[in-house]
C-alpha atoms as a PDB file:
ATOM      1  CA  MET A   1     110.244  71.562  79.501  1.00  0.00           C
ATOM      2  CA  GLY A   2     106.560  71.688  79.353  1.00  0.00           C
ATOM      3  CA  GLY A   3     103.641  69.724  78.008  1.00  0.00           C
ATOM      4  CA  VAL A   4     102.718  68.937  74.465  1.00  0.00           C
ATOM      5  CA  ASP A   5     101.898  72.564  73.578  1.00  0.00           C
ATOM      6  CA  GLY A   6     105.164  73.824  75.581  1.00  0.00           C
ATOM      7  CA  ASN A   7     103.137  75.623  78.378  1.00  0.00           C
ATOM      8  CA  MET A   8     104.437  74.745  81.988  1.00  0.00           C
ATOM      9  CA  ALA A   9     102.151  73.991  84.693  1.00  0.00           C
ATOM     10  CA  LYS A  10     101.612  76.905  87.120  1.00  0.00           C
ATOM     11  CA  PRO A  11     102.551  75.937  90.702  1.00  0.00           C
ATOM     12  CA  SER A  12      99.865  76.373  93.425  1.00  0.00           C
ATOM     13  CA  LEU A  13      99.764  79.241  95.670  1.00  0.00           C
ATOM     14  CA  ALA A  14     100.702  77.096  98.697  1.00  0.00           C
ATOM     15  CA  ARG A  15     103.814  75.614  96.624  1.00  0.00           C
ATOM     16  CA  GLU A  16     104.802  78.960  95.710  1.00  0.00           C
ATOM     17  CA  PHE A  17     104.612  80.329  99.452  1.00  0.00           C
ATOM     18  CA  LEU A  18     106.529  77.247 100.665  1.00  0.00           C
ATOM     19  CA  ALA A  19     109.214  77.999  98.106  1.00  0.00           C
ATOM     20  CA  PHE A  20     109.304  81.510  99.210  1.00  0.00           C
ATOM     21  CA  ILE A  21     109.583  80.605 102.825  1.00  0.00           C
ATOM     22  CA  ARG A  22     112.505  78.103 102.125  1.00  0.00           C
ATOM     23  CA  HIS A  23     114.496  80.352  99.976  1.00  0.00           C
ATOM     24  CA  GLU A  24     114.199  83.608 102.001  1.00  0.00           C
ATOM     25  CA  LYS A  25     114.323  81.525 105.322  1.00  0.00           C
ATOM     26  CA  LYS A  26     111.343  83.193 106.866  1.00  0.00           C
ATOM     27  CA  TRP A  27     110.139  80.368 108.990  1.00  0.00           C
ATOM     28  CA  TRP A  28     108.283  82.711 111.434  1.00  0.00           C
ATOM     29  CA  MET A  29     105.739  83.090 108.790  1.00  0.00           C
ATOM     30  CA  ILE A  30     104.316  79.544 109.062  1.00  0.00           C
ATOM     31  CA  PRO A  31     102.629  80.027 112.535  1.00  0.00           C
ATOM     32  CA  LEU A  32     101.453  83.411 111.594  1.00  0.00           C
ATOM     33  CA  VAL A  33      99.719  82.196 108.387  1.00  0.00           C
ATOM     34  CA  GLY A  34      98.421  79.099 110.435  1.00  0.00           C
ATOM     35  CA  VAL A  35      96.778  81.184 112.960  1.00  0.00           C
ATOM     36  CA  LEU A  36      95.191  83.552 110.223  1.00  0.00           C
ATOM     37  CA  LEU A  37      93.755  80.621 108.518  1.00  0.00           C
ATOM     38  CA  LEU A  38      92.317  79.111 111.790  1.00  0.00           C
ATOM     39  CA  LEU A  39      90.804  82.649 112.534  1.00  0.00           C
ATOM     40  CA  ALA A  40      89.220  82.813 109.070  1.00  0.00           C
ATOM     41  CA  LEU A  41      87.786  79.334 109.315  1.00  0.00           C
ATOM     42  CA  LEU A  42      86.373  80.393 112.865  1.00  0.00           C
ATOM     43  CA  ILE A  43      84.854  83.428 111.428  1.00  0.00           C
ATOM     44  CA  ALA A  44      83.380  81.720 108.483  1.00  0.00           C
ATOM     45  CA  PHE A  45      82.056  78.792 110.655  1.00  0.00           C
ATOM     46  CA  ALA A  46      80.492  81.523 113.083  1.00  0.00           C
ATOM     47  CA  GLY A  47      78.633  83.174 110.236  1.00  0.00           C
ATOM     48  CA  THR A  48      77.151  80.045 108.523  1.00  0.00           C
ATOM     49  CA  SER A  49      76.478  77.731 111.577  1.00  0.00           C
ATOM     50  CA  SER A  50      73.530  77.533 113.644  1.00  0.00           C
ATOM     51  CA  LEU A  51      75.970  77.425 116.616  1.00  0.00           C
ATOM     52  CA  ALA A  52      76.911  81.067 115.844  1.00  0.00           C
ATOM     53  CA  PRO A  53      75.461  82.645 118.848  1.00  0.00           C
ATOM     54  CA  PHE A  54      77.847  80.378 120.890  1.00  0.00           C
ATOM     55  CA  VAL A  55      80.879  81.359 119.090  1.00  0.00           C
ATOM     56  CA  TYR A  56      80.370  85.256 119.097  1.00  0.00           C
ATOM     57  CA  PRO A  57      81.252  85.216 123.106  1.00  0.00           C
ATOM     58  CA  LEU A  58      84.732  84.187 121.930  1.00  0.00           C
ATOM     59  CA  PHE A  59      85.432  87.551 120.295  1.00  0.00           C
END
């Protein structure tokens, strides 16, 4: 069941997302989310790095 006090641990967001993909058979969402995460990392890197002027021409 749960822990000592009866509370169950909440699954992480990534675990819930993977369970949703597995249950609903939406495999096309994996590359979409991956590309969105890479784009978010690139934007975050471009805003905080001293290399930002070299990243801006990519957009």
